[in-house]
C-alpha atoms as a PDB file:
ATOM      1  CA  MET A   1      -0.088   0.056   0.000  1.00  0.00           C
ATOM      2  CA  ALA A   2       1.449   3.305  -1.033  1.00  0.00           C
ATOM      3  CA  PRO A   3       2.323   5.716   1.963  1.00  0.00           C
ATOM      4  CA  LYS A   4      -0.110   8.406   2.507  1.00  0.00           C
ATOM      5  CA  ARG A   5       0.866  11.612   1.079  1.00  0.00           C
ATOM      6  CA  GLN A   6       1.348  14.551   3.412  1.00  0.00           C
ATOM      7  CA  ARG A   7      -1.259  17.440   2.973  1.00  0.00           C
ATOM      8  CA  ALA A   8       0.536  20.411   1.550  1.00  0.00           C
ATOM      9  CA  PRO A   9       0.647  23.590   3.731  1.00  0.00           C
ATOM     10  CA  THR A  10      -2.211  25.993   2.896  1.00  0.00           C
ATOM     11  CA  SER A  11      -1.096  29.238   4.844  1.00  0.00           C
ATOM     12  CA  PRO A  12       1.993  31.396   5.399  1.00  0.00           C
ATOM     13  CA  ILE A  13       2.044  30.470   9.151  1.00  0.00           C
ATOM     14  CA  GLU A  14       1.642  26.632   8.431  1.00  0.00           C
ATOM     15  CA  ARG A  15       4.415  26.823   5.905  1.00  0.00           C
ATOM     16  CA  ALA A  16       6.671  28.887   8.345  1.00  0.00           C
ATOM     17  CA  ASN A  17       6.165  26.396  11.068  1.00  0.00           C
ATOM     18  CA  ARG A  18       7.151  23.386   8.670  1.00  0.00           C
ATOM     19  CA  LYS A  19      10.383  25.133   7.689  1.00  0.00           C
ATOM     20  CA  THR A  20      13.848  23.972   9.115  1.00  0.00           C
ATOM     21  CA  ASP A  21      15.455  26.147  11.596  1.00  0.00           C
ATOM     22  CA  GLU A  22      17.998  27.257   8.993  1.00  0.00           C
ATOM     23  CA  ASP A  23      15.262  28.439   6.645  1.00  0.00           C
ATOM     24  CA  PHE A  24      13.295  29.902   9.499  1.00  0.00           C
ATOM     25  CA  ILE A  25      16.171  31.941  10.655  1.00  0.00           C
ATOM     26  CA  SER A  26      16.899  33.099   6.975  1.00  0.00           C
ATOM     27  CA  ASP A  27      13.333  33.961   6.150  1.00  0.00           C
ATOM     28  CA  HIS A  28      11.968  35.337   9.417  1.00  0.00           C
ATOM     29  CA  LEU A  29      14.740  36.263  11.835  1.00  0.00           C
ATOM     30  CA  GLN A  30      17.685  37.617   9.662  1.00  0.00           C
ATOM     31  CA  PRO A  31      15.628  40.354   7.855  1.00  0.00           C
ATOM     32  CA  SER A  32      15.896  43.477  10.031  1.00  0.00           C
ATOM     33  CA  VAL A  33      13.186  45.972  11.110  1.00  0.00           C
ATOM     34  CA  SER A  34      13.780  49.459  10.462  1.00  0.00           C
ATOM     35  CA  SER A  35      13.007  52.074  13.144  1.00  0.00           C
ATOM     36  CA  THR A  36      11.603  54.530  10.629  1.00  0.00           C
ATOM     37  CA  LEU A  37       8.912  52.043   9.684  1.00  0.00           C
ATOM     38  CA  HIS A  38       7.254  51.812  13.358  1.00  0.00           C
ATOM     39  CA  LYS A  39       4.331  53.867  13.338  1.00  0.00           C
ATOM     40  CA  SER A  40       2.378  52.054  16.068  1.00  0.00           C
ATOM     41  CA  PRO A  41       1.940  53.073  19.834  1.00  0.00           C
ATOM     42  CA  ALA A  42       5.149  51.098  20.234  1.00  0.00           C
ATOM     43  CA  ALA A  43       6.943  53.361  17.952  1.00  0.00           C
ATOM     44  CA  ALA A  44       8.849  54.874  20.899  1.00  0.00           C
ATOM     45  CA  GLN A  45      10.736  51.679  21.311  1.00  0.00           C
ATOM     46  CA  PRO A  46      13.972  51.212  19.568  1.00  0.00           C
ATOM     47  CA  PRO A  47      13.932  48.654  16.694  1.00  0.00           C
ATOM     48  CA  PRO A  48      14.896  45.214  17.784  1.00  0.00           C
ATOM     49  CA  LYS A  49      18.558  44.071  17.400  1.00  0.00           C
ATOM     50  CA  PRO A  50      19.114  41.747  14.574  1.00  0.00           C
ATOM     51  CA  TRP A  51      19.390  37.913  14.870  1.00  0.00           C
ATOM     52  CA  THR A  52      22.825  36.926  16.163  1.00  0.00           C
ATOM     53  CA  THR A  53      24.457  33.488  17.370  1.00  0.00           C
ATOM     54  CA  GLU A  54      26.820  35.114  19.936  1.00  0.00           C
ATOM     55  CA  TRP A  55      26.355  37.511  22.737  1.00  0.00           C
ATOM     56  CA  THR A  56      28.647  39.028  25.532  1.00  0.00           C
ATOM     57  CA  HIS A  57      27.607  40.116  29.119  1.00  0.00           C
ATOM     58  CA  PRO A  58      28.085  43.884  29.035  1.00  0.00           C
ATOM     59  CA  LYS A  59      29.323  43.804  32.851  1.00  0.00           C
ATOM     60  CA  THR A  60      31.130  40.444  33.155  1.00  0.00           C
ATOM     61  CA  GLY A  61      32.332  39.923  29.565  1.00  0.00           C
ATOM     62  CA  THR A  62      31.080  36.552  29.721  1.00  0.00           C
ATOM     63  CA  ALA A  63      30.453  35.038  26.248  1.00  0.00           C
ATOM     64  CA  TYR A  64      27.412  33.193  25.163  1.00  0.00           C
ATOM     65  CA  THR A  65      26.087  31.295  22.125  1.00  0.00           C
ATOM     66  CA  ILE A  66      22.405  31.603  20.763  1.00  0.00           C
ATOM     67  CA  SER A  67      20.824  28.953  18.600  1.00  0.00           C
ATOM     68  CA  LEU A  68      17.414  28.350  17.381  1.00  0.00           C
ATOM     69  CA  VAL A  69      15.902  24.747  17.924  1.00  0.00           C
ATOM     70  CA  GLN A  70      12.686  23.220  17.012  1.00  0.00           C
ATOM     71  CA  SER A  71      11.017  21.390  20.065  1.00  0.00           C
ATOM     72  CA  SER A  72      11.344  18.034  18.232  1.00  0.00           C
ATOM     73  CA  LYS A  73      15.076  18.606  18.024  1.00  0.00           C
ATOM     74  CA  LEU A  74      15.770  19.676  21.548  1.00  0.00           C
ATOM     75  CA  SER A  75      17.935  16.906  23.287  1.00  0.00           C
ATOM     76  CA  LYS A  76      16.657  15.425  26.514  1.00  0.00           C
ATOM     77  CA  GLU A  77      19.238  17.539  28.428  1.00  0.00           C
ATOM     78  CA  GLU A  78      18.170  20.811  26.812  1.00  0.00           C
ATOM     79  CA  LEU A  79      14.464  20.026  27.242  1.00  0.00           C
ATOM     80  CA  GLN A  80      15.057  19.273  31.026  1.00  0.00           C
ATOM     81  CA  ALA A  81      17.217  22.457  31.548  1.00  0.00           C
ATOM     82  CA  CYS A  82      14.449  24.705  30.137  1.00  0.00           C
ATOM     83  CA  PHE A  83      11.854  23.055  32.097  1.00  0.00           C
ATOM     84  CA  ASP A  84      14.163  23.479  35.366  1.00  0.00           C
ATOM     85  CA  LEU A  85      14.592  27.173  34.556  1.00  0.00           C
ATOM     86  CA  ILE A  86      10.865  27.726  34.313  1.00  0.00           C
ATOM     87  CA  LYS A  87      10.266  26.019  37.502  1.00  0.00           C
ATOM     88  CA  GLU A  88      13.228  28.153  38.998  1.00  0.00           C
ATOM     89  CA  THR A  89      11.664  31.404  37.889  1.00  0.00           C
ATOM     90  CA  SER A  90       7.955  30.756  37.895  1.00  0.00           C
ATOM     91  CA  TYR A  91       6.994  28.115  40.382  1.00  0.00           C
ATOM     92  CA  ASP A  92       5.581  30.378  43.026  1.00  0.00           C
ATOM     93  CA  ASP A  93       3.410  32.331  40.363  1.00  0.00           C
ATOM     94  CA  TYR A  94       1.971  28.812  39.051  1.00  0.00           C
ATOM     95  CA  GLN A  95       1.424  27.459  42.515  1.00  0.00           C
ATOM     96  CA  ASN A  96      -0.483  30.624  43.785  1.00  0.00           C
ATOM     97  CA  SER A  97      -2.554  30.446  40.453  1.00  0.00           C
ATOM     98  CA  LYS A  98      -6.020  28.851  40.195  1.00  0.00           C
ATOM     99  CA  ASP A  99      -4.440  25.883  38.013  1.00  0.00           C
ATOM    100  CA  LYS A 100      -1.340  25.376  40.327  1.00  0.00           C
ATOM    101  CA  TRP A 101       1.998  23.846  39.158  1.00  0.00           C
ATOM    102  CA  GLN A 102       1.307  21.102  36.684  1.00  0.00           C
ATOM    103  CA  PRO A 103       4.762  19.592  35.725  1.00  0.00           C
ATOM    104  CA  ARG A 104       3.535  16.854  33.465  1.00  0.00           C
ATOM    105  CA  LYS A 105       1.256  19.388  31.523  1.00  0.00           C
ATOM    106  CA  LYS A 106       3.956  21.796  31.313  1.00  0.00           C
ATOM    107  CA  MET A 107       6.337  19.394  29.837  1.00  0.00           C
ATOM    108  CA  GLU A 108       4.018  18.193  27.442  1.00  0.00           C
ATOM    109  CA  GLU A 109       3.296  21.758  26.173  1.00  0.00           C
ATOM    110  CA  MET A 110       6.902  22.213  25.943  1.00  0.00           C
ATOM    111  CA  LYS A 111       7.052  19.427  23.308  1.00  0.00           C
ATOM    112  CA  SER A 112       4.336  21.024  21.244  1.00  0.00           C
ATOM    113  CA  PRO A 113       5.036  20.633  17.274  1.00  0.00           C
ATOM    114  CA  GLY A 114       5.733  23.908  15.773  1.00  0.00           C
ATOM    115  CA  LEU A 115       7.254  25.435  19.021  1.00  0.00           C
ATOM    116  CA  ARG A 116      10.734  26.810  18.493  1.00  0.00           C
ATOM    117  CA  TYR A 117      13.466  27.678  21.449  1.00  0.00           C
ATOM    118  CA  VAL A 118      16.080  30.155  21.167  1.00  0.00           C
ATOM    119  CA  LEU A 119      18.756  28.732  23.494  1.00  0.00           C
ATOM    120  CA  VAL A 120      21.361  30.885  25.344  1.00  0.00           C
ATOM    121  CA  LYS A 121      24.285  28.777  26.552  1.00  0.00           C
ATOM    122  CA  GLU A 122      27.403  29.784  28.277  1.00  0.00           C
ATOM    123  CA  LYS A 123      30.369  29.430  25.772  1.00  0.00           C
ATOM    124  CA  ASP A 124      33.016  28.484  28.453  1.00  0.00           C
ATOM    125  CA  GLU A 125      33.277  24.795  27.959  1.00  0.00           C
ATOM    126  CA  SER A 126      34.058  24.101  31.473  1.00  0.00           C
ATOM    127  CA  ASN A 127      30.585  24.746  32.101  1.00  0.00           C
ATOM    128  CA  ASP A 128      29.335  22.196  29.543  1.00  0.00           C
ATOM    129  CA  GLY A 129      27.553  24.930  27.661  1.00  0.00           C
ATOM    130  CA  SER A 130      24.616  24.888  30.066  1.00  0.00           C
ATOM    131  CA  ILE A 131      21.501  26.830  29.171  1.00  0.00           C
ATOM    132  CA  ARG A 132      21.317  30.152  31.120  1.00  0.00           C
ATOM    133  CA  ALA A 133      18.165  31.454  29.324  1.00  0.00           C
ATOM    134  CA  PHE A 134      15.674  30.829  26.605  1.00  0.00           C
ATOM    135  CA  THR A 135      12.752  32.026  24.906  1.00  0.00           C
ATOM    136  CA  SER A 136      10.100  29.864  22.935  1.00  0.00           C
ATOM    137  CA  LEU A 137       7.788  31.134  20.276  1.00  0.00           C
ATOM    138  CA  MET A 138       5.313  29.921  17.641  1.00  0.00           C
ATOM    139  CA  PRO A 139       3.475  31.572  14.567  1.00  0.00           C
ATOM    140  CA  THR A 140      -0.181  30.618  15.241  1.00  0.00           C
ATOM    141  CA  TYR A 141      -3.790  31.680  15.397  1.00  0.00           C
ATOM    142  CA  GLU A 142      -5.119  32.901  18.783  1.00  0.00           C
ATOM    143  CA  GLU A 143      -8.967  33.347  18.825  1.00  0.00           C
ATOM    144  CA  GLY A 144      -8.667  33.862  14.807  1.00  0.00           C
ATOM    145  CA  GLN A 145      -5.848  36.413  15.176  1.00  0.00           C
ATOM    146  CA  PRO A 146      -2.563  35.474  13.273  1.00  0.00           C
ATOM    147  CA  VAL A 147       0.151  36.208  15.991  1.00  0.00           C
ATOM    148  CA  VAL A 148       3.718  35.144  17.162  1.00  0.00           C
ATOM    149  CA  TYR A 149       3.038  33.754  20.569  1.00  0.00           C
ATOM    150  CA  CYS A 150       5.842  34.038  23.162  1.00  0.00           C
ATOM    151  CA  TYR A 151       5.270  30.903  25.315  1.00  0.00           C
ATOM    152  CA  GLU A 152       8.228  31.314  27.695  1.00  0.00           C
ATOM    153  CA  ILE A 153      11.225  33.698  28.268  1.00  0.00           C
ATOM    154  CA  HIS A 154      13.350  33.080  31.307  1.00  0.00           C
ATOM    155  CA  LEU A 155      16.861  34.050  32.226  1.00  0.00           C
ATOM    156  CA  LYS A 156      19.231  33.010  35.142  1.00  0.00           C
ATOM    157  CA  PRO A 157      19.845  35.633  38.055  1.00  0.00           C
ATOM    158  CA  GLU A 158      23.214  36.763  36.597  1.00  0.00           C
ATOM    159  CA  LEU A 159      21.673  37.730  33.145  1.00  0.00           C
ATOM    160  CA  GLN A 160      19.144  40.037  34.764  1.00  0.00           C
ATOM    161  CA  GLY A 161      19.556  43.678  33.793  1.00  0.00           C
ATOM    162  CA  SER A 162      21.921  42.766  31.122  1.00  0.00           C
ATOM    163  CA  GLY A 163      19.913  43.586  28.164  1.00  0.00           C
ATOM    164  CA  LEU A 164      19.528  39.914  27.050  1.00  0.00           C
ATOM    165  CA  GLY A 165      15.858  39.929  27.738  1.00  0.00           C
ATOM    166  CA  SER A 166      15.309  42.669  25.421  1.00  0.00           C
ATOM    167  CA  LEU A 167      17.214  41.004  22.798  1.00  0.00           C
ATOM    168  CA  LEU A 168      15.196  37.885  23.148  1.00  0.00           C
ATOM    169  CA  MET A 169      12.005  39.696  23.030  1.00  0.00           C
ATOM    170  CA  GLY A 170      13.212  41.507  19.866  1.00  0.00           C
ATOM    171  CA  PHE A 171      13.374  38.148  18.134  1.00  0.00           C
ATOM    172  CA  HIS A 172       9.667  37.825  18.567  1.00  0.00           C
ATOM    173  CA  VAL A 173       9.064  41.135  16.922  1.00  0.00           C
ATOM    174  CA  ILE A 174      11.280  40.382  14.068  1.00  0.00           C
ATOM    175  CA  VAL A 175       9.656  37.255  13.208  1.00  0.00           C
ATOM    176  CA  ALA A 176       6.301  38.683  13.500  1.00  0.00           C
ATOM    177  CA  SER A 177       7.419  41.758  11.221  1.00  0.00           C
ATOM    178  CA  ASN A 178       8.644  39.280   8.458  1.00  0.00           C
ATOM    179  CA  LEU A 179       5.835  36.848   8.387  1.00  0.00           C
ATOM    180  CA  ARG A 180       2.511  37.848   6.778  1.00  0.00           C
ATOM    181  CA  PRO A 181      -0.295  38.042   7.777  1.00  0.00           C
ATOM    182  CA  ILE A 182       0.963  38.406  11.512  1.00  0.00           C
ATOM    183  CA  THR A 183       0.493  41.853  12.875  1.00  0.00           C
ATOM    184  CA  LYS A 184       1.197  41.346  16.650  1.00  0.00           C
ATOM    185  CA  VAL A 185       3.286  39.501  19.208  1.00  0.00           C
ATOM    186  CA  MET A 186       1.245  38.127  22.103  1.00  0.00           C
ATOM    187  CA  LEU A 187       2.106  36.542  25.495  1.00  0.00           C
ATOM    188  CA  THR A 188       0.381  35.627  28.771  1.00  0.00           C
ATOM    189  CA  CYS A 189       1.583  36.863  32.189  1.00  0.00           C
ATOM    190  CA  PHE A 190       0.720  36.242  35.717  1.00  0.00           C
ATOM    191  CA  LEU A 191      -0.802  39.536  37.348  1.00  0.00           C
ATOM    192  CA  SER A 192       1.295  38.527  40.555  1.00  0.00           C
ATOM    193  CA  ASN A 193       4.551  39.107  38.594  1.00  0.00           C
ATOM    194  CA  GLU A 194       4.668  42.930  38.623  1.00  0.00           C
ATOM    195  CA  ARG A 195       8.458  42.972  37.511  1.00  0.00           C
ATOM    196  CA  ALA A 196       7.542  41.016  34.356  1.00  0.00           C
ATOM    197  CA  LEU A 197       4.431  43.020  33.694  1.00  0.00           C
ATOM    198  CA  GLY A 198       6.622  46.301  33.871  1.00  0.00           C
ATOM    199  CA  PHE A 199       9.210  44.808  31.479  1.00  0.00           C
ATOM    200  CA  TYR A 200       6.402  44.116  28.972  1.00  0.00           C
ATOM    201  CA  LYS A 201       4.971  47.435  29.194  1.00  0.00           C
ATOM    202  CA  ARG A 202       8.437  49.032  28.815  1.00  0.00           C
ATOM    203  CA  HIS A 203       8.557  47.112  25.569  1.00  0.00           C
ATOM    204  CA  GLY A 204       5.475  48.327  24.201  1.00  0.00           C
ATOM    205  CA  PHE A 205       2.983  45.469  25.234  1.00  0.00           C
ATOM    206  CA  GLU A 206      -0.636  46.206  26.305  1.00  0.00           C
ATOM    207  CA  THR A 207      -3.531  44.348  27.601  1.00  0.00           C
ATOM    208  CA  ASP A 208      -5.196  42.670  24.456  1.00  0.00           C
ATOM    209  CA  ASP A 209      -8.857  42.567  23.777  1.00  0.00           C
ATOM    210  CA  ILE A 210      -9.095  38.806  24.291  1.00  0.00           C
ATOM    211  CA  SER A 211      -7.545  39.190  27.935  1.00  0.00           C
ATOM    212  CA  PRO A 212     -10.019  37.937  30.383  1.00  0.00           C
ATOM    213  CA  GLY A 213     -12.002  40.156  32.675  1.00  0.00           C
ATOM    214  CA  PRO A 214     -13.600  39.512  36.026  1.00  0.00           C
ATOM    215  CA  ARG A 215     -16.302  36.748  35.995  1.00  0.00           C
ATOM    216  CA  LYS A 216     -19.569  37.155  37.843  1.00  0.00           C
ATOM    217  CA  PHE A 217     -21.525  34.262  39.032  1.00  0.00           C
ATOM    218  CA  ARG A 218     -25.337  34.103  39.612  1.00  0.00           C
ATOM    219  CA  SER A 219     -24.635  33.961  43.195  1.00  0.00           C
ATOM    220  CA  GLY A 220     -22.957  37.423  42.985  1.00  0.00           C
ATOM    221  CA  LYS A 221     -19.568  36.039  43.385  1.00  0.00           C
ATOM    222  CA  VAL A 222     -16.858  37.634  41.365  1.00  0.00           C
ATOM    223  CA  VAL A 223     -13.708  35.940  40.357  1.00  0.00           C
ATOM    224  CA  MET A 224     -10.900  37.978  39.057  1.00  0.00           C
ATOM    225  CA  PRO A 225      -8.284  36.356  36.549  1.00  0.00           C
ATOM    226  CA  ASP A 226      -4.992  35.669  37.685  1.00  0.00           C
ATOM    227  CA  TYR A 227      -3.248  36.398  34.360  1.00  0.00           C
ATOM    228  CA  VAL A 228      -3.482  38.765  31.575  1.00  0.00           C
ATOM    229  CA  ILE A 229      -2.949  38.638  27.780  1.00  0.00           C
ATOM    230  CA  MET A 230      -0.712  41.161  26.405  1.00  0.00           C
ATOM    231  CA  SER A 231       0.264  42.241  22.881  1.00  0.00           C
ATOM    232  CA  LYS A 232       2.327  44.476  20.882  1.00  0.00           C
ATOM    233  CA  PRO A 233       1.314  45.318  17.225  1.00  0.00           C
ATOM    234  CA  VAL A 234       4.275  45.309  14.801  1.00  0.00           C
ATOM    235  CA  VAL A 235       5.015  46.969  11.558  1.00  0.00           C
ATOM    236  CA  ARG A 236       6.910  44.985   8.967  1.00  0.00           C
ATOM    237  CA  SER A 237       9.857  46.052   6.801  1.00  0.00           C
ATOM    238  CA  ALA A 238       8.821  47.991   3.638  1.00  0.00           C
ATOM    239  CA  LEU A 239      11.234  45.411   1.793  1.00  0.00           C
ATOM    240  CA  VAL A 240       8.490  42.792   2.517  1.00  0.00           C
ATOM    241  CA  SER A 241       6.254  42.619  -0.480  1.00  0.00           C
ATOM    242  CA  GLU A 242       2.687  43.425   0.095  1.00  0.00           C
ATOM    243  CA  ASP A 243       1.979  40.152  -1.954  1.00  0.00           C
ATOM    244  CA  LYS A 244       4.811  37.825  -1.216  1.00  0.00           C
ATOM    245  CA  PRO A 245       5.925  37.072   2.504  1.00  0.00           C
ATOM    246  CA  LEU A 246       9.444  36.258   3.010  1.00  0.00           C
ATOM    247  CA  GLU A 247       9.035  32.509   2.549  1.00  0.00           C
ATOM    248  CA  SER A 248      10.428  31.232  -0.661  1.00  0.00           C
ATOM    249  CA  LYS A 249      12.332  28.048   0.287  1.00  0.00           C
ATOM    250  CA  PRO A 250      10.596  24.706   0.465  1.00  0.00           C
ATOM    251  CA  CYS A 251      10.014  23.472   3.745  1.00  0.00           C
ATOM    252  CA  GLU A 252      11.446  20.092   5.019  1.00  0.00           C
ATOM    253  CA  ASP A 253      10.116  20.130   8.559  1.00  0.00           C
ATOM    254  CA  LYS A 254       7.201  17.590   8.637  1.00  0.00           C
ATOM    255  CA  SER A 255       5.772  18.668  11.943  1.00  0.00           C
ATOM    256  CA  SER A 256       2.429  19.943  11.902  1.00  0.00           C
ATOM    257  CA  GLU A 257       1.334  23.457  12.580  1.00  0.00           C
ATOM    258  CA  ASN A 258      -0.680  22.428  15.638  1.00  0.00           C
ATOM    259  CA  LYS A 259      -0.664  24.836  18.406  1.00  0.00           C
ATOM    260  CA  PRO A 260       1.172  23.703  21.639  1.00  0.00           C
ATOM    261  CA  SER A 261      -1.071  22.033  23.961  1.00  0.00           C
ATOM    262  CA  GLU A 262      -2.316  24.985  25.693  1.00  0.00           C
ATOM    263  CA  ASN A 263      -2.940  24.768  29.311  1.00  0.00           C
ATOM    264  CA  LYS A 264      -3.057  28.403  30.055  1.00  0.00           C
ATOM    265  CA  PRO A 265      -5.147  30.205  32.845  1.00  0.00           C
ATOM    266  CA  SER A 266      -2.814  30.234  34.356  1.00  0.00           C
ATOM    267  CA  GLU A 267       0.273  30.875  32.621  1.00  0.00           C
ATOM    268  CA  VAL A 268      -1.256  30.533  29.541  1.00  0.00           C
ATOM    269  CA  GLU A 269      -5.173  30.344  29.767  1.00  0.00           C
ATOM    270  CA  PRO A 270      -7.975  27.748  29.106  1.00  0.00           C
ATOM    271  CA  SER A 271     -10.451  26.993  26.280  1.00  0.00           C
ATOM    272  CA  GLU A 272      -9.355  25.973  22.625  1.00  0.00           C
ATOM    273  CA  ASP A 273     -10.042  29.286  21.472  1.00  0.00           C
ATOM    274  CA  ASN A 274     -10.279  31.323  24.566  1.00  0.00           C
ATOM    275  CA  PRO A 275      -6.960  31.536  26.436  1.00  0.00           C
ATOM    276  CA  SER A 276      -8.996  32.595  29.226  1.00  0.00           C
ATOM    277  CA  GLU A 277     -10.634  29.117  29.894  1.00  0.00           C
ATOM    278  CA  ASP A 278      -8.315  26.157  29.664  1.00  0.00           C
ATOM    279  CA  LYS A 279      -4.715  26.663  28.526  1.00  0.00           C
ATOM    280  CA  SER A 280      -1.878  26.605  30.788  1.00  0.00           C
ATOM    281  CA  LEU A 281      -0.024  29.790  30.617  1.00  0.00           C
ATOM    282  CA  LYS A 282       1.557  29.973  27.331  1.00  0.00           C
ATOM    283  CA  THR A 283       4.165  32.309  28.594  1.00  0.00           C
ATOM    284  CA  ASP A 284       6.015  31.383  31.549  1.00  0.00           C
ATOM    285  CA  THR A 285       7.174  34.891  31.936  1.00  0.00           C
ATOM    286  CA  SER A 286       4.362  35.406  34.054  1.00  0.00           C
ATOM    287  CA  GLY A 287       6.195  34.308  36.956  1.00  0.00           C
ATOM    288  CA  ASP A 288       9.634  35.034  35.546  1.00  0.00           C
ATOM    289  CA  HIS A 289      11.720  37.514  37.632  1.00  0.00           C
ATOM    290  CA  SER A 290      14.473  37.339  35.263  1.00  0.00           C
ATOM    291  CA  LEU A 291      12.793  39.749  33.010  1.00  0.00           C
ATOM    292  CA  GLU A 292      13.823  42.818  34.914  1.00  0.00           C
ATOM    293  CA  ASP A 293      15.845  43.983  31.961  1.00  0.00           C
ATOM    294  CA  LYS A 294      16.980  47.321  32.658  1.00  0.00           C
ATOM    295  CA  ALA A 295      19.612  47.660  30.013  1.00  0.00           C
ATOM    296  CA  SER A 296      18.307  48.361  26.569  1.00  0.00           C
END
């Protein structure tokens, strides 16, 4: 019996999610974003810095490497290191939320097809190239809106206030700017994490229209959400044709464009279409105190 043919991708987002990491970088991360083209409320923000594979701590001089890896290509050690960093920075926020910390559910979400990780490792071989920071992202649809969703962004204490958080967040903006029909970057943050909320606001994020509000029951009881959905509009480069997105190369990645298992409401919210009902927080930044990025 002949093998079943794979369905051809039908949308720019699906095609992007099927690309190899090399092609994804070439088509969606390397094109720069011009500051002169930003006319949104976030225009006051400087343009994101271009994609790079190396970064040096401005205060300590420590060298780090930066790489992009699909969830399916992460080693067991890399996946565990990212999971441990989430727990280190966000456990308290999760545990104090309605859905609590659910390690098994979080690990499954982290393996979601289409999710890509930007890994920051110390270059010093004596440290075994351990992961010191990471962010994960996925071009997807959220309640019908084409977005780049920031699922996680976490940094070790020594990288706080170094400017690395801004660099990583900028990669999300660059992808969104270079991939039509996406018009915004979206994330979820615990309301209890005031430092992370401040970080996002300084980078042009505002509460999105789909963010859940108070829920009032017939009994008169009012339940306030413990997280907020935020977004930042982006303006793509004029070099990107109005008709042709920057995606000309065939994709080799066979992973489907399914959204990561969303267990928000937490760090990402709930309900297949409504992050406010059953998803686990898509962005662990909700509890990440490492986002206090004072350096630009």
